[in-house]
Amino acid sequence: MIAVSDPERAAALARFPLSRVSEAFHDEMLGVLPPVHVRGAAGFYVSEAVTDDVHAQFVACHGRFYGANVALRDPASWITHAAIAAFDAAHPDPPVLDWYPADAADR
């Protein structure tokens, strides 16, 4: 695997920050490639990396669906139930994404 510089990793993480996603988006990612489940982590990760150790993570929580790019080697970047609670408190009516933010226009 080719090492990616910190600015590239940061850019990959910033392209898809913690967001509400549609159930259809969540379910499509669950079925597109074999999902990766990590013991102790919420939801699942898309097995194909965005770059280096950055993968998309998706979580179903209380009937809502969430997604973000996270760094597998950095558990602090993972979607947790606490991160979801903080997101919901800060964004009471967020847009619900039907696809990755940077690629939505291409769909």
Protein backbone atom coordinates (compact mmCIF):
# COMPACT_ATOMS: atom_id res chain seq x y z
CA MET A 1 0.00 0.00 0.00
CA ILE A 2 1.30 3.45 -0.89
CA ALA A 3 1.61 5.81 2.04
CA VAL A 4 -0.56 8.90 1.72
CA SER A 5 0.56 12.24 3.07
CA ASP A 6 -1.33 13.78 5.98
CA PRO A 7 -2.85 16.52 3.76
CA GLU A 8 -4.24 13.86 1.40
CA ARG A 9 -5.64 11.89 4.32
CA ALA A 10 -7.18 15.02 5.82
CA ALA A 11 -8.72 15.93 2.45
CA ALA A 12 -10.21 12.44 2.09
CA LEU A 13 -11.72 12.65 5.58
CA ALA A 14 -13.10 16.14 4.89
CA ARG A 15 -14.81 15.09 1.64
CA PHE A 16 -17.41 13.07 3.58
CA PRO A 17 -17.77 14.28 7.17
CA LEU A 18 -20.33 12.74 9.52
CA SER A 19 -23.67 13.15 7.74
CA ARG A 20 -27.20 11.81 7.76
CA VAL A 21 -27.67 9.50 4.81
CA SER A 22 -30.73 7.85 3.33
CA GLU A 23 -31.61 4.27 4.14
CA ALA A 24 -31.20 3.47 0.43
CA PHE A 25 -27.63 4.88 0.41
CA HIS A 26 -26.78 2.91 3.58
CA ASP A 27 -28.23 -0.30 2.17
CA GLU A 28 -26.55 0.14 -1.23
CA MET A 29 -23.15 0.47 0.46
CA LEU A 30 -23.90 -2.61 2.56
CA GLY A 31 -24.40 -4.63 -0.61
CA VAL A 32 -21.84 -3.14 -3.01
CA LEU A 33 -18.72 -4.88 -1.63
CA PRO A 34 -18.27 -7.23 1.27
CA PRO A 35 -18.68 -5.00 4.32
CA VAL A 36 -16.02 -4.90 7.00
CA HIS A 37 -17.17 -5.24 10.59
CA VAL A 38 -14.75 -4.25 13.34
CA ARG A 39 -15.32 -5.57 16.85
CA GLY A 40 -16.43 -2.71 19.09
CA ALA A 41 -17.21 -0.35 16.19
CA ALA A 42 -20.69 0.73 15.19
CA GLY A 43 -22.07 -0.20 11.78
CA PHE A 44 -19.82 -1.32 8.96
CA TYR A 45 -17.03 -0.06 6.73
CA VAL A 46 -16.86 -0.22 2.94
CA SER A 47 -14.01 -2.61 2.23
CA GLU A 48 -12.56 -0.55 -0.63
CA ALA A 49 -10.43 2.28 0.75
CA VAL A 50 -10.96 5.86 -0.36
CA THR A 51 -7.22 6.29 0.13
CA ASP A 52 -4.65 4.59 2.36
CA ASP A 53 -6.56 3.75 5.58
CA VAL A 54 -9.58 6.01 4.89
CA HIS A 55 -12.81 4.07 4.39
CA ALA A 56 -16.48 5.03 4.40
CA GLN A 57 -18.31 3.95 7.55
CA PHE A 58 -22.10 3.62 7.77
CA VAL A 59 -24.21 3.26 10.92
CA ALA A 60 -27.92 2.71 11.51
CA CYS A 61 -29.01 4.27 14.81
CA HIS A 62 -32.54 4.79 16.16
CA GLY A 63 -34.14 4.49 12.72
CA ARG A 64 -31.74 6.98 11.12
CA PHE A 65 -28.68 6.36 9.00
CA TYR A 66 -25.27 8.02 9.12
CA GLY A 67 -22.09 7.91 7.08
CA ALA A 68 -18.61 9.42 6.99
CA ASN A 69 -15.11 8.82 5.76
CA VAL A 70 -13.02 7.61 8.69
CA ALA A 71 -9.46 6.42 9.24
CA LEU A 72 -9.43 2.76 10.23
CA ARG A 73 -6.15 3.16 12.13
CA ASP A 74 -7.59 6.11 14.11
CA PRO A 75 -10.57 5.02 16.23
CA ALA A 76 -11.09 8.65 17.28
CA SER A 77 -12.29 9.32 13.72
CA TRP A 78 -14.87 6.50 13.74
CA ILE A 79 -18.61 7.12 13.93
CA THR A 80 -19.72 6.36 17.48
CA HIS A 81 -23.07 6.67 19.19
CA ALA A 82 -21.67 9.66 21.10
CA ALA A 83 -20.63 11.32 17.82
CA ILE A 84 -24.12 10.70 16.43
CA ALA A 85 -25.74 12.24 19.53
CA ALA A 86 -23.50 15.32 19.23
CA PHE A 87 -24.22 15.57 15.49
CA ASP A 88 -27.99 15.34 16.05
CA ALA A 89 -27.85 18.00 18.79
CA ALA A 90 -25.89 20.37 16.54
CA HIS A 91 -27.93 19.61 13.40
CA PRO A 92 -31.60 19.14 14.32
CA ASP A 93 -32.75 19.08 10.67
CA PRO A 94 -29.74 18.15 8.50
CA PRO A 95 -29.96 17.34 4.82
CA VAL A 96 -30.15 13.62 4.17
CA LEU A 97 -27.60 12.54 1.57
CA ASP A 98 -28.56 10.07 -1.13
CA TRP A 99 -24.95 9.66 -2.27
CA TYR A 100 -21.41 10.78 -1.47
CA PRO A 101 -21.31 14.61 -1.37
CA ALA A 102 -18.58 15.09 -4.02
CA ASP A 103 -20.15 12.56 -6.43
CA ALA A 104 -23.86 13.40 -6.02
CA ALA A 105 -24.04 15.41 -9.25
CA ASP A 106 -22.61 12.46 -11.22
CA ARG A 107 -25.42 10.11 -10.18
